[in-house]
Amino acid sequence: MPDVKEAVVKEAGEAASVGQEKPKTAEKSPKAAKPKTRAPKIVRAKAAKPAKASASAAATVAAPVISGSTRKRYSEKERGQKLGEIQNFIKAGESVRGATKKAGISEQTYYQWKKPAAKESQSGELKDLVKLETENARLKKLLAERLRKENADLKKKLGIS
């Protein structure tokens, strides 16, 4: 058999030198025998082109198509009521997720509404609390400074470095 292969190789070399095509060998790899599979193509339906409308066809279309969103828009008053309702659910031991679900809004909406509401609620007690906390921090710094100074004076009097 090796003689046959050598003859095919020699013929192929001669054919290539003359400018002819190489003869095909009968041997094929096992991978080439398997058919290739493809993922199915996704075919999208094309939108139908509107036909030329006659006067009678225009009369049959009575209601215009409204392309608005279906989401509900709440007024400031309604938002406050929903936030209060959710706070009551949370105080009763409900989770935020459960409370927002019962109120009929999403968690994201709840947190978006809560941001400006938290800033507005600082008008009363929360502003006073913030003011007291800043005053407390100032007094703590002042006390710490005086204690350091007093400790340094005592170390000088006692001769401790």
C-alpha atoms as a PDB file:
ATOM      1  CA  MET A   1       0.000   0.000   0.000  1.00  0.00           C
ATOM      2  CA  PRO A   2       2.770   2.482   0.643  1.00  0.00           C
ATOM      3  CA  ASP A   3       3.620   2.308  -3.052  1.00  0.00           C
ATOM      4  CA  VAL A   4       0.135   3.523  -3.986  1.00  0.00           C
ATOM      5  CA  LYS A   5       0.364   6.517  -1.646  1.00  0.00           C
ATOM      6  CA  GLU A   6       3.767   7.478  -3.017  1.00  0.00           C
ATOM      7  CA  ALA A   7       2.390   7.282  -6.551  1.00  0.00           C
ATOM      8  CA  VAL A   8      -0.516   9.569  -5.636  1.00  0.00           C
ATOM      9  CA  VAL A   9       1.872  12.049  -4.011  1.00  0.00           C
ATOM     10  CA  LYS A  10       4.173  12.010  -7.083  1.00  0.00           C
ATOM     11  CA  GLU A  11       1.215  12.540  -9.436  1.00  0.00           C
ATOM     12  CA  ALA A  12       0.016  15.393  -7.269  1.00  0.00           C
ATOM     13  CA  GLY A  13       3.454  17.003  -7.338  1.00  0.00           C
ATOM     14  CA  GLU A  14       3.675  16.678 -11.119  1.00  0.00           C
ATOM     15  CA  ALA A  15       0.165  18.050 -11.555  1.00  0.00           C
ATOM     16  CA  ALA A  16       0.986  21.013  -9.350  1.00  0.00           C
ATOM     17  CA  SER A  17       4.110  21.768 -11.337  1.00  0.00           C
ATOM     18  CA  VAL A  18       2.162  21.679 -14.596  1.00  0.00           C
ATOM     19  CA  GLY A  19      -0.596  23.872 -13.177  1.00  0.00           C
ATOM     20  CA  GLN A  20      -3.286  21.232 -12.865  1.00  0.00           C
ATOM     21  CA  GLU A  21      -5.371  20.536  -9.784  1.00  0.00           C
ATOM     22  CA  LYS A  22      -4.263  17.961  -7.282  1.00  0.00           C
ATOM     23  CA  PRO A  23      -6.279  14.755  -7.357  1.00  0.00           C
ATOM     24  CA  LYS A  24      -8.519  14.261  -4.322  1.00  0.00           C
ATOM     25  CA  THR A  25      -7.724  11.408  -1.991  1.00  0.00           C
ATOM     26  CA  ALA A  26     -10.372   8.982  -0.887  1.00  0.00           C
ATOM     27  CA  GLU A  27      -9.530   9.363   2.818  1.00  0.00           C
ATOM     28  CA  LYS A  28     -11.732  11.687   4.909  1.00  0.00           C
ATOM     29  CA  SER A  29     -11.486  12.585   8.557  1.00  0.00           C
ATOM     30  CA  PRO A  30     -14.279  11.367  10.864  1.00  0.00           C
ATOM     31  CA  LYS A  31     -15.153  14.959  11.823  1.00  0.00           C
ATOM     32  CA  ALA A  32     -15.883  15.911   8.225  1.00  0.00           C
ATOM     33  CA  ALA A  33     -18.491  13.153   7.968  1.00  0.00           C
ATOM     34  CA  LYS A  34     -20.699  14.710  10.687  1.00  0.00           C
ATOM     35  CA  PRO A  35     -23.197  17.295   9.477  1.00  0.00           C
ATOM     36  CA  LYS A  36     -22.895  20.688  11.128  1.00  0.00           C
ATOM     37  CA  THR A  37     -25.807  21.816  13.254  1.00  0.00           C
ATOM     38  CA  ARG A  38     -26.860  25.423  13.478  1.00  0.00           C
ATOM     39  CA  ALA A  39     -28.870  27.301  15.985  1.00  0.00           C
ATOM     40  CA  PRO A  40     -32.256  28.244  14.553  1.00  0.00           C
ATOM     41  CA  LYS A  41     -32.551  31.767  13.276  1.00  0.00           C
ATOM     42  CA  ILE A  42     -34.904  34.125  14.998  1.00  0.00           C
ATOM     43  CA  VAL A  43     -37.320  35.453  12.453  1.00  0.00           C
ATOM     44  CA  ARG A  44     -39.064  38.668  13.308  1.00  0.00           C
ATOM     45  CA  ALA A  45     -42.312  39.534  11.703  1.00  0.00           C
ATOM     46  CA  LYS A  46     -42.214  42.686   9.664  1.00  0.00           C
ATOM     47  CA  ALA A  47     -44.731  45.350  10.426  1.00  0.00           C
ATOM     48  CA  ALA A  48     -47.458  45.531   7.842  1.00  0.00           C
ATOM     49  CA  LYS A  49     -47.283  48.595   5.672  1.00  0.00           C
ATOM     50  CA  PRO A  50     -50.347  50.770   5.963  1.00  0.00           C
ATOM     51  CA  ALA A  51     -52.498  50.590   2.894  1.00  0.00           C
ATOM     52  CA  LYS A  52     -53.673  53.747   1.227  1.00  0.00           C
ATOM     53  CA  ALA A  53     -56.748  54.804   3.128  1.00  0.00           C
ATOM     54  CA  SER A  54     -59.865  55.894   1.397  1.00  0.00           C
ATOM     55  CA  ALA A  55     -62.376  58.321   2.842  1.00  0.00           C
ATOM     56  CA  SER A  56     -64.636  55.506   4.059  1.00  0.00           C
ATOM     57  CA  ALA A  57     -61.755  53.655   5.715  1.00  0.00           C
ATOM     58  CA  ALA A  58     -60.756  56.805   7.609  1.00  0.00           C
ATOM     59  CA  ALA A  59     -64.287  57.148   8.905  1.00  0.00           C
ATOM     60  CA  THR A  60     -64.277  53.620  10.365  1.00  0.00           C
ATOM     61  CA  VAL A  61     -61.300  54.424  12.617  1.00  0.00           C
ATOM     62  CA  ALA A  62     -63.062  56.377  15.354  1.00  0.00           C
ATOM     63  CA  ALA A  63     -60.737  56.246  18.367  1.00  0.00           C
ATOM     64  CA  PRO A  64     -57.109  57.324  18.027  1.00  0.00           C
ATOM     65  CA  VAL A  65     -54.450  54.971  19.350  1.00  0.00           C
ATOM     66  CA  ILE A  66     -53.071  56.248  22.656  1.00  0.00           C
ATOM     67  CA  SER A  67     -49.451  55.291  23.205  1.00  0.00           C
ATOM     68  CA  GLY A  68     -49.138  56.307  26.858  1.00  0.00           C
ATOM     69  CA  SER A  69     -47.587  54.361  29.676  1.00  0.00           C
ATOM     70  CA  THR A  70     -49.765  52.391  32.060  1.00  0.00           C
ATOM     71  CA  ARG A  71     -47.924  53.462  35.187  1.00  0.00           C
ATOM     72  CA  LYS A  72     -49.796  55.363  37.871  1.00  0.00           C
ATOM     73  CA  ARG A  73     -48.736  58.865  38.768  1.00  0.00           C
ATOM     74  CA  TYR A  74     -49.284  59.811  42.397  1.00  0.00           C
ATOM     75  CA  SER A  75     -49.731  63.325  43.744  1.00  0.00           C
ATOM     76  CA  GLU A  76     -47.642  64.562  46.671  1.00  0.00           C
ATOM     77  CA  LYS A  77     -50.563  63.960  49.011  1.00  0.00           C
ATOM     78  CA  GLU A  78     -51.004  60.364  47.792  1.00  0.00           C
ATOM     79  CA  ARG A  79     -47.271  59.745  48.125  1.00  0.00           C
ATOM     80  CA  GLY A  80     -47.355  60.943  51.729  1.00  0.00           C
ATOM     81  CA  GLN A  81     -50.313  58.679  52.474  1.00  0.00           C
ATOM     82  CA  LYS A  82     -48.552  55.657  50.929  1.00  0.00           C
ATOM     83  CA  LEU A  83     -45.335  56.402  52.856  1.00  0.00           C
ATOM     84  CA  GLY A  84     -47.320  56.695  56.110  1.00  0.00           C
ATOM     85  CA  GLU A  85     -49.122  53.450  55.369  1.00  0.00           C
ATOM     86  CA  ILE A  86     -45.798  51.686  54.723  1.00  0.00           C
ATOM     87  CA  GLN A  87     -44.319  53.106  57.945  1.00  0.00           C
ATOM     88  CA  ASN A  88     -47.281  51.709  59.881  1.00  0.00           C
ATOM     89  CA  PHE A  89     -46.735  48.272  58.333  1.00  0.00           C
ATOM     90  CA  ILE A  90     -43.036  48.414  59.207  1.00  0.00           C
ATOM     91  CA  LYS A  91     -43.776  49.428  62.812  1.00  0.00           C
ATOM     92  CA  ALA A  92     -46.137  46.452  63.033  1.00  0.00           C
ATOM     93  CA  GLY A  93     -43.205  44.165  62.205  1.00  0.00           C
ATOM     94  CA  GLU A  94     -43.662  43.835  58.447  1.00  0.00           C
ATOM     95  CA  SER A  95     -40.606  43.828  56.172  1.00  0.00           C
ATOM     96  CA  VAL A  96     -40.085  46.698  53.745  1.00  0.00           C
ATOM     97  CA  ARG A  97     -40.704  44.364  50.806  1.00  0.00           C
ATOM     98  CA  GLY A  98     -43.980  43.102  52.272  1.00  0.00           C
ATOM     99  CA  ALA A  99     -45.118  46.583  53.293  1.00  0.00           C
ATOM    100  CA  THR A 100     -44.495  48.051  49.841  1.00  0.00           C
ATOM    101  CA  LYS A 101     -46.270  45.116  48.218  1.00  0.00           C
ATOM    102  CA  LYS A 102     -49.314  45.657  50.452  1.00  0.00           C
ATOM    103  CA  ALA A 103     -49.279  49.378  49.647  1.00  0.00           C
ATOM    104  CA  GLY A 104     -49.204  48.623  45.909  1.00  0.00           C
ATOM    105  CA  ILE A 105     -45.853  50.146  44.974  1.00  0.00           C
ATOM    106  CA  SER A 106     -42.373  48.732  44.337  1.00  0.00           C
ATOM    107  CA  GLU A 107     -39.466  48.889  46.761  1.00  0.00           C
ATOM    108  CA  GLN A 108     -37.539  51.140  44.379  1.00  0.00           C
ATOM    109  CA  THR A 109     -40.439  53.583  44.257  1.00  0.00           C
ATOM    110  CA  TYR A 110     -40.623  53.576  48.053  1.00  0.00           C
ATOM    111  CA  TYR A 111     -36.940  54.484  48.404  1.00  0.00           C
ATOM    112  CA  GLN A 112     -37.167  57.129  45.667  1.00  0.00           C
ATOM    113  CA  TRP A 113     -40.113  58.757  47.426  1.00  0.00           C
ATOM    114  CA  LYS A 114     -38.432  58.470  50.810  1.00  0.00           C
ATOM    115  CA  LYS A 115     -35.361  60.525  49.814  1.00  0.00           C
ATOM    116  CA  PRO A 116     -37.109  63.902  49.379  1.00  0.00           C
ATOM    117  CA  ALA A 117     -39.517  63.146  52.229  1.00  0.00           C
ATOM    118  CA  ALA A 118     -36.589  62.650  54.615  1.00  0.00           C
ATOM    119  CA  LYS A 119     -35.154  66.042  53.650  1.00  0.00           C
ATOM    120  CA  GLU A 120     -38.525  67.738  54.173  1.00  0.00           C
ATOM    121  CA  SER A 121     -39.004  66.118  57.587  1.00  0.00           C
ATOM    122  CA  GLN A 122     -35.872  67.852  58.892  1.00  0.00           C
ATOM    123  CA  SER A 123     -37.954  70.980  59.412  1.00  0.00           C
ATOM    124  CA  GLY A 124     -38.967  70.142  62.984  1.00  0.00           C
ATOM    125  CA  GLU A 125     -37.519  67.790  65.532  1.00  0.00           C
ATOM    126  CA  LEU A 126     -34.843  66.372  63.278  1.00  0.00           C
ATOM    127  CA  LYS A 127     -33.279  69.820  62.723  1.00  0.00           C
ATOM    128  CA  ASP A 128     -33.129  70.336  66.476  1.00  0.00           C
ATOM    129  CA  LEU A 129     -31.521  66.921  66.928  1.00  0.00           C
ATOM    130  CA  VAL A 130     -28.882  67.664  64.288  1.00  0.00           C
ATOM    131  CA  LYS A 131     -28.145  71.014  65.939  1.00  0.00           C
ATOM    132  CA  LEU A 132     -27.718  69.332  69.349  1.00  0.00           C
ATOM    133  CA  GLU A 133     -25.381  66.687  67.883  1.00  0.00           C
ATOM    134  CA  THR A 134     -23.103  69.343  66.346  1.00  0.00           C
ATOM    135  CA  GLU A 135     -23.063  71.291  69.630  1.00  0.00           C
ATOM    136  CA  ASN A 136     -22.227  68.064  71.508  1.00  0.00           C
ATOM    137  CA  ALA A 137     -19.299  67.321  69.155  1.00  0.00           C
ATOM    138  CA  ARG A 138     -17.948  70.894  69.644  1.00  0.00           C
ATOM    139  CA  LEU A 139     -18.135  70.608  73.428  1.00  0.00           C
ATOM    140  CA  LYS A 140     -16.380  67.204  73.399  1.00  0.00           C
ATOM    141  CA  LYS A 141     -13.466  68.685  71.432  1.00  0.00           C
ATOM    142  CA  LEU A 142     -13.243  71.635  73.847  1.00  0.00           C
ATOM    143  CA  LEU A 143     -13.245  69.317  76.883  1.00  0.00           C
ATOM    144  CA  ALA A 144     -10.564  67.071  75.363  1.00  0.00           C
ATOM    145  CA  GLU A 145      -8.360  70.108  74.671  1.00  0.00           C
ATOM    146  CA  ARG A 146      -8.684  71.390  78.258  1.00  0.00           C
ATOM    147  CA  LEU A 147      -7.914  67.953  79.715  1.00  0.00           C
ATOM    148  CA  ARG A 148      -4.752  67.671  77.584  1.00  0.00           C
ATOM    149  CA  LYS A 149      -3.623  71.098  78.779  1.00  0.00           C
ATOM    150  CA  GLU A 150      -4.332  70.206  82.434  1.00  0.00           C
ATOM    151  CA  ASN A 151      -2.430  66.896  82.104  1.00  0.00           C
ATOM    152  CA  ALA A 152       0.563  68.725  80.636  1.00  0.00           C
ATOM    153  CA  ASP A 153       0.549  71.226  83.563  1.00  0.00           C
ATOM    154  CA  LEU A 154       0.409  68.389  86.128  1.00  0.00           C
ATOM    155  CA  LYS A 155       3.322  66.592  84.426  1.00  0.00           C
ATOM    156  CA  LYS A 156       5.422  69.776  84.635  1.00  0.00           C
ATOM    157  CA  LYS A 157       4.652  70.240  88.337  1.00  0.00           C
ATOM    158  CA  LEU A 158       5.503  66.622  89.117  1.00  0.00           C
ATOM    159  CA  GLY A 159       8.608  66.658  86.894  1.00  0.00           C
ATOM    160  CA  ILE A 160       7.397  63.802  84.680  1.00  0.00           C
ATOM    161  CA  SER A 161       8.379  64.102  81.048  1.00  0.00           C
END
